[in-house]
Amino acid sequence: MRLTHGRAAGLMVGVTLLWATAGVVTRHLEQAQSFELTFWRSFFTLLSLLVILPLWRGCMVFTQIRHGGRELWTSGVCWSVMFTTFMVALTLTRVANVLVTMALGPLLTALAARVWIGHRLPARTWAAILVAGLGIGWMYGAQLGQGGLLGTLVALCVPVAGACNWTLVQHAHAEGRDIDLVPAVLVGAALSALATLPLAWPFRSNAHDLGLLAFLGLFQLALPCVLSVLCARVLKAPEVALLALLEVIFGIALAWLGAGEAPAPAVLVGGTLVIGALLANELLNLKARRTALARSA
């Protein structure tokens, strides 16, 4: 699948909308708790990918996993950490706390990309990260004051693992090795399911819960994670992280409308800063690309 920069950015917005359904769906579960949520979501993600990837790539996908090398397996570990800690954090604190903490990703990703692969970021991207960081800081301070420290600390593992993952993808590309890391999502789901199975037993989920968790496995995790890897081949790591911030806005809005978790005024103010930074960065980026094309023509 070949994507232009604009289409990759648009697709990434759709990916964040799917990711954002986790909070509101989780709030409608009846009996499933803690690690059981993580196990079933990862298990259904694994089942989904075992169907999606062979249909898309053929059986060679399993050969790619066996011979994928260090990058693929490292990426799989990163996905596993993100899958596991995100759901556990949702059981420990409010949706807004988790999403606000996850939104630290752009700052961590930009730092990792700058340190490890020497990305020279344009001034507009740094400005967008700064403004987004101010919005995140505003929301983070308000949410932290309401408690949920343990859940916040667990959620912090998500942006750390995400920064490592996106930087890994870009590092391989910078060295001229466009390694196919899509199977790494499957590896991550398998590792997450195996790690949480002993902690999830005995199961308490009823049919209603299993249906919702199956939805999360396919539509909230399997499909968008595969698509996000494709987007990462076109977008730079900080751009992916900035667009992923939309999950914060979408997730808080869905939890508010669908589960009654109303955000504080500080969340609304911070979210406005984040959205403004994203739009400004993308518009300036589009203008710069058009100017460059005009000059080359």
C-alpha atoms as a PDB file:
ATOM      1  CA  MET A   1       0.000   0.000   0.000  1.00  0.00           C
ATOM      2  CA  ARG A   2       1.516   3.321  -1.109  1.00  0.00           C
ATOM      3  CA  LEU A   3       0.367   6.439   0.705  1.00  0.00           C
ATOM      4  CA  THR A   4       0.985  10.095   0.011  1.00  0.00           C
ATOM      5  CA  HIS A   5       1.802  12.294   2.964  1.00  0.00           C
ATOM      6  CA  GLY A   6      -1.682  13.818   3.003  1.00  0.00           C
ATOM      7  CA  ARG A   7      -3.457  10.483   2.795  1.00  0.00           C
ATOM      8  CA  ALA A   8      -1.238   9.027   5.502  1.00  0.00           C
ATOM      9  CA  ALA A   9      -2.103  11.955   7.780  1.00  0.00           C
ATOM     10  CA  GLY A  10      -5.829  11.514   7.089  1.00  0.00           C
ATOM     11  CA  LEU A  11      -5.626   7.774   7.677  1.00  0.00           C
ATOM     12  CA  MET A  12      -3.811   8.381  10.945  1.00  0.00           C
ATOM     13  CA  VAL A  13      -6.710  10.563  12.111  1.00  0.00           C
ATOM     14  CA  GLY A  14      -9.084   7.651  11.454  1.00  0.00           C
ATOM     15  CA  VAL A  15      -6.741   5.349  13.348  1.00  0.00           C
ATOM     16  CA  THR A  16      -6.857   7.596  16.412  1.00  0.00           C
ATOM     17  CA  LEU A  17     -10.661   7.625  16.315  1.00  0.00           C
ATOM     18  CA  LEU A  18     -10.722   3.826  16.449  1.00  0.00           C
ATOM     19  CA  TRP A  19      -8.137   3.777  19.231  1.00  0.00           C
ATOM     20  CA  ALA A  20     -10.259   6.248  21.193  1.00  0.00           C
ATOM     21  CA  THR A  21     -13.164   3.795  21.572  1.00  0.00           C
ATOM     22  CA  ALA A  22     -11.336   1.779  24.257  1.00  0.00           C
ATOM     23  CA  GLY A  23     -12.338   3.956  27.207  1.00  0.00           C
ATOM     24  CA  VAL A  24     -16.047   4.210  26.514  1.00  0.00           C
ATOM     25  CA  VAL A  25     -16.378   0.508  25.650  1.00  0.00           C
ATOM     26  CA  THR A  26     -14.481  -0.504  28.784  1.00  0.00           C
ATOM     27  CA  ARG A  27     -16.895   1.488  30.938  1.00  0.00           C
ATOM     28  CA  HIS A  28     -19.786  -0.668  29.678  1.00  0.00           C
ATOM     29  CA  LEU A  29     -18.257  -3.988  30.738  1.00  0.00           C
ATOM     30  CA  GLU A  30     -20.204  -5.826  33.428  1.00  0.00           C
ATOM     31  CA  GLN A  31     -17.968  -8.470  35.021  1.00  0.00           C
ATOM     32  CA  ALA A  32     -14.520  -8.492  33.386  1.00  0.00           C
ATOM     33  CA  GLN A  33     -11.857  -6.839  35.548  1.00  0.00           C
ATOM     34  CA  SER A  34      -8.192  -5.807  35.497  1.00  0.00           C
ATOM     35  CA  PHE A  35      -5.886  -8.243  33.681  1.00  0.00           C
ATOM     36  CA  GLU A  36      -8.829 -10.183  32.249  1.00  0.00           C
ATOM     37  CA  LEU A  37      -9.667  -7.145  30.103  1.00  0.00           C
ATOM     38  CA  THR A  38      -6.121  -7.066  28.803  1.00  0.00           C
ATOM     39  CA  PHE A  39      -6.003 -10.788  28.110  1.00  0.00           C
ATOM     40  CA  TRP A  40      -9.251 -10.972  26.147  1.00  0.00           C
ATOM     41  CA  ARG A  41      -8.543  -7.835  24.120  1.00  0.00           C
ATOM     42  CA  SER A  42      -5.059  -9.099  23.228  1.00  0.00           C
ATOM     43  CA  PHE A  43      -6.436 -12.589  22.515  1.00  0.00           C
ATOM     44  CA  PHE A  44      -9.093 -11.285  20.137  1.00  0.00           C
ATOM     45  CA  THR A  45      -6.508  -9.017  18.523  1.00  0.00           C
ATOM     46  CA  LEU A  46      -4.305 -12.057  17.956  1.00  0.00           C
ATOM     47  CA  LEU A  47      -7.197 -14.007  16.409  1.00  0.00           C
ATOM     48  CA  SER A  48      -8.060 -11.055  14.157  1.00  0.00           C
ATOM     49  CA  LEU A  49      -4.490 -10.668  12.939  1.00  0.00           C
ATOM     50  CA  LEU A  50      -4.157 -14.404  12.311  1.00  0.00           C
ATOM     51  CA  VAL A  51      -6.966 -13.931   9.774  1.00  0.00           C
ATOM     52  CA  ILE A  52      -6.147 -10.456   8.434  1.00  0.00           C
ATOM     53  CA  LEU A  53      -2.421 -10.825   7.820  1.00  0.00           C
ATOM     54  CA  PRO A  54      -2.468 -14.173   5.920  1.00  0.00           C
ATOM     55  CA  LEU A  55      -5.354 -12.943   3.732  1.00  0.00           C
ATOM     56  CA  TRP A  56      -3.427  -9.767   2.993  1.00  0.00           C
ATOM     57  CA  ARG A  57       0.134 -11.068   2.788  1.00  0.00           C
ATOM     58  CA  GLY A  58      -0.261 -14.822   2.451  1.00  0.00           C
ATOM     59  CA  CYS A  59       1.417 -17.440   4.619  1.00  0.00           C
ATOM     60  CA  MET A  60       4.752 -15.709   4.094  1.00  0.00           C
ATOM     61  CA  VAL A  61       3.830 -13.501   7.037  1.00  0.00           C
ATOM     62  CA  PHE A  62       4.761 -16.323   9.404  1.00  0.00           C
ATOM     63  CA  THR A  63       8.133 -16.671   7.686  1.00  0.00           C
ATOM     64  CA  GLN A  64       8.653 -12.953   8.188  1.00  0.00           C
ATOM     65  CA  ILE A  65       8.027 -13.384  11.897  1.00  0.00           C
ATOM     66  CA  ARG A  66      10.531 -16.240  12.185  1.00  0.00           C
ATOM     67  CA  HIS A  67      13.212 -14.342  10.256  1.00  0.00           C
ATOM     68  CA  GLY A  68      12.227 -10.787  11.094  1.00  0.00           C
ATOM     69  CA  GLY A  69      15.337 -10.056  13.079  1.00  0.00           C
ATOM     70  CA  ARG A  70      15.932  -7.899  16.113  1.00  0.00           C
ATOM     71  CA  GLU A  71      13.887  -4.911  14.907  1.00  0.00           C
ATOM     72  CA  LEU A  72      10.677  -6.879  14.437  1.00  0.00           C
ATOM     73  CA  TRP A  73      10.874  -8.614  17.800  1.00  0.00           C
ATOM     74  CA  THR A  74      11.843  -5.410  19.587  1.00  0.00           C
ATOM     75  CA  SER A  75       8.856  -3.696  18.022  1.00  0.00           C
ATOM     76  CA  GLY A  76       6.686  -6.626  19.130  1.00  0.00           C
ATOM     77  CA  VAL A  77       7.789  -6.133  22.729  1.00  0.00           C
ATOM     78  CA  CYS A  78       6.944  -2.419  22.457  1.00  0.00           C
ATOM     79  CA  TRP A  79       3.458  -3.228  21.144  1.00  0.00           C
ATOM     80  CA  SER A  80       2.983  -5.748  23.957  1.00  0.00           C
ATOM     81  CA  VAL A  81       3.882  -3.181  26.616  1.00  0.00           C
ATOM     82  CA  MET A  82       1.472  -0.658  25.093  1.00  0.00           C
ATOM     83  CA  PHE A  83      -1.363  -3.200  24.786  1.00  0.00           C
ATOM     84  CA  THR A  84      -0.992  -4.390  28.368  1.00  0.00           C
ATOM     85  CA  THR A  85      -0.352  -1.203  30.331  1.00  0.00           C
ATOM     86  CA  PHE A  86      -3.062   0.773  28.541  1.00  0.00           C
ATOM     87  CA  MET A  87      -5.890  -1.557  29.544  1.00  0.00           C
ATOM     88  CA  VAL A  88      -4.560  -2.043  33.071  1.00  0.00           C
ATOM     89  CA  ALA A  89      -4.378   1.734  33.508  1.00  0.00           C
ATOM     90  CA  LEU A  90      -8.001   2.103  32.404  1.00  0.00           C
ATOM     91  CA  THR A  91      -9.055  -0.158  35.274  1.00  0.00           C
ATOM     92  CA  LEU A  92      -7.124   1.931  37.804  1.00  0.00           C
ATOM     93  CA  THR A  93      -8.104   5.478  36.916  1.00  0.00           C
ATOM     94  CA  ARG A  94     -10.383   7.613  34.742  1.00  0.00           C
ATOM     95  CA  VAL A  95     -10.200   7.625  30.958  1.00  0.00           C
ATOM     96  CA  ALA A  96      -9.021  11.243  30.861  1.00  0.00           C
ATOM     97  CA  ASN A  97      -6.099  10.481  33.212  1.00  0.00           C
ATOM     98  CA  VAL A  98      -4.877   7.673  30.973  1.00  0.00           C
ATOM     99  CA  LEU A  99      -5.265   9.587  27.723  1.00  0.00           C
ATOM    100  CA  VAL A 100      -3.649  12.736  29.055  1.00  0.00           C
ATOM    101  CA  THR A 101      -0.652  10.722  30.250  1.00  0.00           C
ATOM    102  CA  MET A 102      -0.397   8.954  26.890  1.00  0.00           C
ATOM    103  CA  ALA A 103      -0.288  12.326  25.179  1.00  0.00           C
ATOM    104  CA  LEU A 104       3.239  12.849  26.499  1.00  0.00           C
ATOM    105  CA  GLY A 105       4.217  10.681  23.512  1.00  0.00           C
ATOM    106  CA  PRO A 106       5.148  13.516  21.091  1.00  0.00           C
ATOM    107  CA  LEU A 107       7.640  14.980  23.537  1.00  0.00           C
ATOM    108  CA  LEU A 108       9.233  11.602  24.224  1.00  0.00           C
ATOM    109  CA  THR A 109       9.188  10.626  20.555  1.00  0.00           C
ATOM    110  CA  ALA A 110      10.755  13.889  19.398  1.00  0.00           C
ATOM    111  CA  LEU A 111      13.476  13.538  22.011  1.00  0.00           C
ATOM    112  CA  ALA A 112      14.175   9.909  21.072  1.00  0.00           C
ATOM    113  CA  ALA A 113      14.235  10.675  17.341  1.00  0.00           C
ATOM    114  CA  ARG A 114      16.571  13.621  17.876  1.00  0.00           C
ATOM    115  CA  VAL A 115      18.959  11.713  20.135  1.00  0.00           C
ATOM    116  CA  TRP A 116      19.055   8.307  18.477  1.00  0.00           C
ATOM    117  CA  ILE A 117      18.616   8.991  14.752  1.00  0.00           C
ATOM    118  CA  GLY A 118      19.470  12.678  14.502  1.00  0.00           C
ATOM    119  CA  HIS A 119      16.191  13.971  13.089  1.00  0.00           C
ATOM    120  CA  ARG A 120      16.400  17.679  12.394  1.00  0.00           C
ATOM    121  CA  LEU A 121      12.937  18.956  13.164  1.00  0.00           C
ATOM    122  CA  PRO A 122      11.606  22.115  11.508  1.00  0.00           C
ATOM    123  CA  ALA A 123      10.750  25.034  13.734  1.00  0.00           C
ATOM    124  CA  ARG A 124       7.013  24.544  13.109  1.00  0.00           C
ATOM    125  CA  THR A 125       7.149  21.004  14.514  1.00  0.00           C
ATOM    126  CA  TRP A 126       8.998  22.132  17.628  1.00  0.00           C
ATOM    127  CA  ALA A 127       6.490  24.960  18.062  1.00  0.00           C
ATOM    128  CA  ALA A 128       3.585  22.509  17.691  1.00  0.00           C
ATOM    129  CA  ILE A 129       5.146  20.153  20.222  1.00  0.00           C
ATOM    130  CA  LEU A 130       5.640  23.068  22.634  1.00  0.00           C
ATOM    131  CA  VAL A 131       2.038  24.255  22.346  1.00  0.00           C
ATOM    132  CA  ALA A 132       0.712  20.705  22.586  1.00  0.00           C
ATOM    133  CA  GLY A 133       2.933  20.158  25.606  1.00  0.00           C
ATOM    134  CA  LEU A 134       1.445  23.200  27.306  1.00  0.00           C
ATOM    135  CA  GLY A 135      -2.043  21.829  26.691  1.00  0.00           C
ATOM    136  CA  ILE A 136      -1.064  18.411  27.981  1.00  0.00           C
ATOM    137  CA  GLY A 137       0.577  19.944  31.036  1.00  0.00           C
ATOM    138  CA  TRP A 138      -2.563  21.912  31.789  1.00  0.00           C
ATOM    139  CA  MET A 139      -4.768  18.831  31.562  1.00  0.00           C
ATOM    140  CA  TYR A 140      -2.261  16.615  33.347  1.00  0.00           C
ATOM    141  CA  GLY A 141      -2.017  18.914  36.350  1.00  0.00           C
ATOM    142  CA  ALA A 142      -5.784  19.046  36.752  1.00  0.00           C
ATOM    143  CA  GLN A 143      -6.231  15.276  36.460  1.00  0.00           C
ATOM    144  CA  LEU A 144      -3.324  14.439  38.749  1.00  0.00           C
ATOM    145  CA  GLY A 145      -4.871  16.549  41.470  1.00  0.00           C
ATOM    146  CA  GLN A 146      -7.946  14.313  41.401  1.00  0.00           C
ATOM    147  CA  GLY A 147      -6.027  11.178  42.354  1.00  0.00           C
ATOM    148  CA  GLY A 148      -5.375   8.024  40.360  1.00  0.00           C
ATOM    149  CA  LEU A 149      -1.588   8.216  40.734  1.00  0.00           C
ATOM    150  CA  LEU A 150      -1.039   4.466  40.285  1.00  0.00           C
ATOM    151  CA  GLY A 151      -3.064   4.399  37.098  1.00  0.00           C
ATOM    152  CA  THR A 152      -1.185   7.443  35.831  1.00  0.00           C
ATOM    153  CA  LEU A 153       2.173   5.781  36.471  1.00  0.00           C
ATOM    154  CA  VAL A 154       1.061   2.608  34.692  1.00  0.00           C
ATOM    155  CA  ALA A 155      -0.240   4.677  31.767  1.00  0.00           C
ATOM    156  CA  LEU A 156       3.155   6.388  31.493  1.00  0.00           C
ATOM    157  CA  CYS A 157       4.545   3.109  30.122  1.00  0.00           C
ATOM    158  CA  VAL A 158       2.427   3.592  26.979  1.00  0.00           C
ATOM    159  CA  PRO A 159       4.105   6.751  25.590  1.00  0.00           C
ATOM    160  CA  VAL A 160       7.539   5.471  26.595  1.00  0.00           C
ATOM    161  CA  ALA A 161       7.039   2.226  24.658  1.00  0.00           C
ATOM    162  CA  GLY A 162       5.397   4.130  21.801  1.00  0.00           C
ATOM    163  CA  ALA A 163       8.346   6.503  21.479  1.00  0.00           C
ATOM    164  CA  CYS A 164      10.723   3.539  21.303  1.00  0.00           C
ATOM    165  CA  ASN A 165       8.538   1.830  18.702  1.00  0.00           C
ATOM    166  CA  TRP A 166       8.126   4.770  16.316  1.00  0.00           C
ATOM    167  CA  THR A 167      11.814   5.684  16.561  1.00  0.00           C
ATOM    168  CA  LEU A 168      12.730   2.082  15.750  1.00  0.00           C
ATOM    169  CA  VAL A 169      10.603   2.187  12.576  1.00  0.00           C
ATOM    170  CA  GLN A 170      12.166   5.466  11.454  1.00  0.00           C
ATOM    171  CA  HIS A 171      15.692   4.305  12.287  1.00  0.00           C
ATOM    172  CA  ALA A 172      15.337   1.270  10.015  1.00  0.00           C
ATOM    173  CA  HIS A 173      14.013   3.503   7.228  1.00  0.00           C
ATOM    174  CA  ALA A 174      16.862   6.009   7.665  1.00  0.00           C
ATOM    175  CA  GLU A 175      19.397   3.200   7.168  1.00  0.00           C
ATOM    176  CA  GLY A 176      17.758   2.158   3.904  1.00  0.00           C
ATOM    177  CA  ARG A 177      16.083  -0.937   5.315  1.00  0.00           C
ATOM    178  CA  ASP A 178      12.317  -0.674   4.898  1.00  0.00           C
ATOM    179  CA  ILE A 179      11.671  -3.565   7.238  1.00  0.00           C
ATOM    180  CA  ASP A 180       8.101  -4.827   7.297  1.00  0.00           C
ATOM    181  CA  LEU A 181       7.060  -4.382  10.906  1.00  0.00           C
ATOM    182  CA  VAL A 182       3.351  -5.092  10.407  1.00  0.00           C
ATOM    183  CA  PRO A 183       3.783  -8.653  11.789  1.00  0.00           C
ATOM    184  CA  ALA A 184       5.207  -7.050  14.935  1.00  0.00           C
ATOM    185  CA  VAL A 185       1.652  -6.104  15.907  1.00  0.00           C
ATOM    186  CA  LEU A 186       0.764  -9.819  15.898  1.00  0.00           C
ATOM    187  CA  VAL A 187       3.845 -10.608  17.983  1.00  0.00           C
ATOM    188  CA  GLY A 188       2.855  -7.895  20.450  1.00  0.00           C
ATOM    189  CA  ALA A 189      -0.675  -9.253  20.812  1.00  0.00           C
ATOM    190  CA  ALA A 190       0.629 -12.786  21.390  1.00  0.00           C
ATOM    191  CA  LEU A 191       3.140 -11.652  24.016  1.00  0.00           C
ATOM    192  CA  SER A 192       0.502  -9.566  25.809  1.00  0.00           C
ATOM    193  CA  ALA A 193      -2.006 -12.447  25.871  1.00  0.00           C
ATOM    194  CA  LEU A 194       0.588 -14.908  27.166  1.00  0.00           C
ATOM    195  CA  ALA A 195       1.845 -12.523  29.845  1.00  0.00           C
ATOM    196  CA  THR A 196      -1.618 -11.712  31.214  1.00  0.00           C
ATOM    197  CA  LEU A 197      -3.243 -15.164  30.977  1.00  0.00           C
ATOM    198  CA  PRO A 198      -2.047 -16.379  34.399  1.00  0.00           C
ATOM    199  CA  LEU A 199      -3.111 -13.086  35.985  1.00  0.00           C
ATOM    200  CA  ALA A 200      -6.532 -13.157  34.316  1.00  0.00           C
ATOM    201  CA  TRP A 201      -7.564 -16.576  35.660  1.00  0.00           C
ATOM    202  CA  PRO A 202     -10.252 -17.385  36.731  1.00  0.00           C
ATOM    203  CA  PHE A 203     -12.317 -15.727  34.019  1.00  0.00           C
ATOM    204  CA  ARG A 204     -15.427 -13.777  35.004  1.00  0.00           C
ATOM    205  CA  SER A 205     -16.529 -12.334  31.657  1.00  0.00           C
ATOM    206  CA  ASN A 206     -20.063 -13.019  30.450  1.00  0.00           C
ATOM    207  CA  ALA A 207     -21.228 -13.066  26.813  1.00  0.00           C
ATOM    208  CA  HIS A 208     -21.874  -9.318  26.856  1.00  0.00           C
ATOM    209  CA  ASP A 209     -18.329  -8.585  27.993  1.00  0.00           C
ATOM    210  CA  LEU A 210     -16.777 -10.981  25.503  1.00  0.00           C
ATOM    211  CA  GLY A 211     -18.656  -9.290  22.662  1.00  0.00           C
ATOM    212  CA  LEU A 212     -17.340  -5.864  23.650  1.00  0.00           C
ATOM    213  CA  LEU A 213     -13.818  -7.161  24.149  1.00  0.00           C
ATOM    214  CA  ALA A 214     -13.947  -8.857  20.740  1.00  0.00           C
ATOM    215  CA  PHE A 215     -14.920  -5.488  19.245  1.00  0.00           C
ATOM    216  CA  LEU A 216     -11.912  -3.910  20.950  1.00  0.00           C
ATOM    217  CA  GLY A 217      -9.639  -6.663  19.694  1.00  0.00           C
ATOM    218  CA  LEU A 218     -10.615  -6.210  16.047  1.00  0.00           C
ATOM    219  CA  PHE A 219     -11.729  -2.619  15.526  1.00  0.00           C
ATOM    220  CA  GLN A 220      -9.972  -0.776  18.343  1.00  0.00           C
ATOM    221  CA  LEU A 221      -6.631  -2.569  18.138  1.00  0.00           C
ATOM    222  CA  ALA A 222      -5.906  -4.987  15.264  1.00  0.00           C
ATOM    223  CA  LEU A 223      -6.988  -2.871  12.291  1.00  0.00           C
ATOM    224  CA  PRO A 224      -5.808   0.553  13.507  1.00  0.00           C
ATOM    225  CA  CYS A 225      -2.451  -0.753  14.715  1.00  0.00           C
ATOM    226  CA  VAL A 226      -1.705  -2.322  11.333  1.00  0.00           C
ATOM    227  CA  LEU A 227      -2.736   0.895   9.603  1.00  0.00           C
ATOM    228  CA  SER A 228      -0.623   2.999  11.969  1.00  0.00           C
ATOM    229  CA  VAL A 229       2.476   1.008  11.004  1.00  0.00           C
ATOM    230  CA  LEU A 230       1.767   1.778   7.347  1.00  0.00           C
ATOM    231  CA  CYS A 231       1.400   5.466   8.190  1.00  0.00           C
ATOM    232  CA  ALA A 232       4.721   5.429  10.034  1.00  0.00           C
ATOM    233  CA  ARG A 233       6.454   4.550   6.762  1.00  0.00           C
ATOM    234  CA  VAL A 234       5.382   7.888   5.293  1.00  0.00           C
ATOM    235  CA  LEU A 235       5.153  10.228   8.283  1.00  0.00           C
ATOM    236  CA  LYS A 236       8.057  11.185  10.513  1.00  0.00           C
ATOM    237  CA  ALA A 237       8.002   9.912  14.071  1.00  0.00           C
ATOM    238  CA  PRO A 238       7.078  13.287  15.647  1.00  0.00           C
ATOM    239  CA  GLU A 239       4.298  13.781  13.081  1.00  0.00           C
ATOM    240  CA  VAL A 240       2.805  10.396  13.920  1.00  0.00           C
ATOM    241  CA  ALA A 241       2.988  11.194  17.611  1.00  0.00           C
ATOM    242  CA  LEU A 242       1.352  14.594  17.124  1.00  0.00           C
ATOM    243  CA  LEU A 243      -1.517  13.130  15.118  1.00  0.00           C
ATOM    244  CA  ALA A 244      -1.909  10.394  17.713  1.00  0.00           C
ATOM    245  CA  LEU A 245      -2.720  13.146  20.206  1.00  0.00           C
ATOM    246  CA  LEU A 246      -6.168  13.265  18.634  1.00  0.00           C
ATOM    247  CA  GLU A 247      -6.889  10.072  20.527  1.00  0.00           C
ATOM    248  CA  VAL A 248      -6.905  12.181  23.692  1.00  0.00           C
ATOM    249  CA  ILE A 249      -9.619  14.490  22.373  1.00  0.00           C
ATOM    250  CA  PHE A 250     -11.689  11.728  20.770  1.00  0.00           C
ATOM    251  CA  GLY A 251     -11.355   9.429  23.774  1.00  0.00           C
ATOM    252  CA  ILE A 252     -12.380  12.035  26.342  1.00  0.00           C
ATOM    253  CA  ALA A 253     -15.324  13.100  24.179  1.00  0.00           C
ATOM    254  CA  LEU A 254     -16.541   9.521  23.709  1.00  0.00           C
ATOM    255  CA  ALA A 255     -16.199   8.752  27.424  1.00  0.00           C
ATOM    256  CA  TRP A 256     -18.137  11.931  28.179  1.00  0.00           C
ATOM    257  CA  LEU A 257     -20.951  11.258  25.716  1.00  0.00           C
ATOM    258  CA  GLY A 258     -21.096   7.485  26.051  1.00  0.00           C
ATOM    259  CA  ALA A 259     -20.224   6.841  29.683  1.00  0.00           C
ATOM    260  CA  GLY A 260     -20.909  10.091  31.525  1.00  0.00           C
ATOM    261  CA  GLU A 261     -17.265  10.846  32.415  1.00  0.00           C
ATOM    262  CA  ALA A 262     -17.435  14.619  31.979  1.00  0.00           C
ATOM    263  CA  PRO A 263     -14.029  16.295  31.519  1.00  0.00           C
ATOM    264  CA  ALA A 264     -12.952  19.150  33.753  1.00  0.00           C
ATOM    265  CA  PRO A 265     -12.705  22.686  32.281  1.00  0.00           C
ATOM    266  CA  ALA A 266      -8.923  22.320  32.293  1.00  0.00           C
ATOM    267  CA  VAL A 267      -9.253  19.313  29.978  1.00  0.00           C
ATOM    268  CA  LEU A 268     -11.287  21.342  27.512  1.00  0.00           C
ATOM    269  CA  VAL A 269      -8.765  24.194  27.525  1.00  0.00           C
ATOM    270  CA  GLY A 270      -5.818  21.846  27.119  1.00  0.00           C
ATOM    271  CA  GLY A 271      -7.574  19.931  24.365  1.00  0.00           C
ATOM    272  CA  THR A 272      -8.137  23.145  22.434  1.00  0.00           C
ATOM    273  CA  LEU A 273      -4.398  23.885  22.573  1.00  0.00           C
ATOM    274  CA  VAL A 274      -3.587  20.370  21.357  1.00  0.00           C
ATOM    275  CA  ILE A 275      -5.996  20.497  18.410  1.00  0.00           C
ATOM    276  CA  GLY A 276      -4.750  23.966  17.457  1.00  0.00           C
ATOM    277  CA  ALA A 277      -1.146  22.781  17.459  1.00  0.00           C
ATOM    278  CA  LEU A 278      -1.994  19.769  15.284  1.00  0.00           C
ATOM    279  CA  LEU A 279      -3.913  21.802  12.719  1.00  0.00           C
ATOM    280  CA  ALA A 280      -1.260  24.526  12.528  1.00  0.00           C
ATOM    281  CA  ASN A 281       1.541  22.012  12.068  1.00  0.00           C
ATOM    282  CA  GLU A 282      -0.242  20.113   9.309  1.00  0.00           C
ATOM    283  CA  LEU A 283      -1.304  23.276   7.458  1.00  0.00           C
ATOM    284  CA  LEU A 284       2.204  24.734   7.580  1.00  0.00           C
ATOM    285  CA  ASN A 285       3.641  21.388   6.511  1.00  0.00           C
ATOM    286  CA  LEU A 286       1.272  21.249   3.546  1.00  0.00           C
ATOM    287  CA  LYS A 287       2.187  24.806   2.551  1.00  0.00           C
ATOM    288  CA  ALA A 288       5.915  24.019   2.732  1.00  0.00           C
ATOM    289  CA  ARG A 289       5.510  20.945   0.546  1.00  0.00           C
ATOM    290  CA  ARG A 290       3.559  22.874  -2.081  1.00  0.00           C
ATOM    291  CA  THR A 291       6.199  25.613  -2.082  1.00  0.00           C
ATOM    292  CA  ALA A 292       8.958  23.044  -2.541  1.00  0.00           C
ATOM    293  CA  LEU A 293       7.106  21.381  -5.417  1.00  0.00           C
ATOM    294  CA  ALA A 294       6.534  24.748  -7.097  1.00  0.00           C
ATOM    295  CA  ARG A 295      10.232  25.615  -6.867  1.00  0.00           C
ATOM    296  CA  SER A 296      11.318  22.250  -8.232  1.00  0.00           C
ATOM    297  CA  ALA A 297       8.893  22.637 -11.142  1.00  0.00           C
END
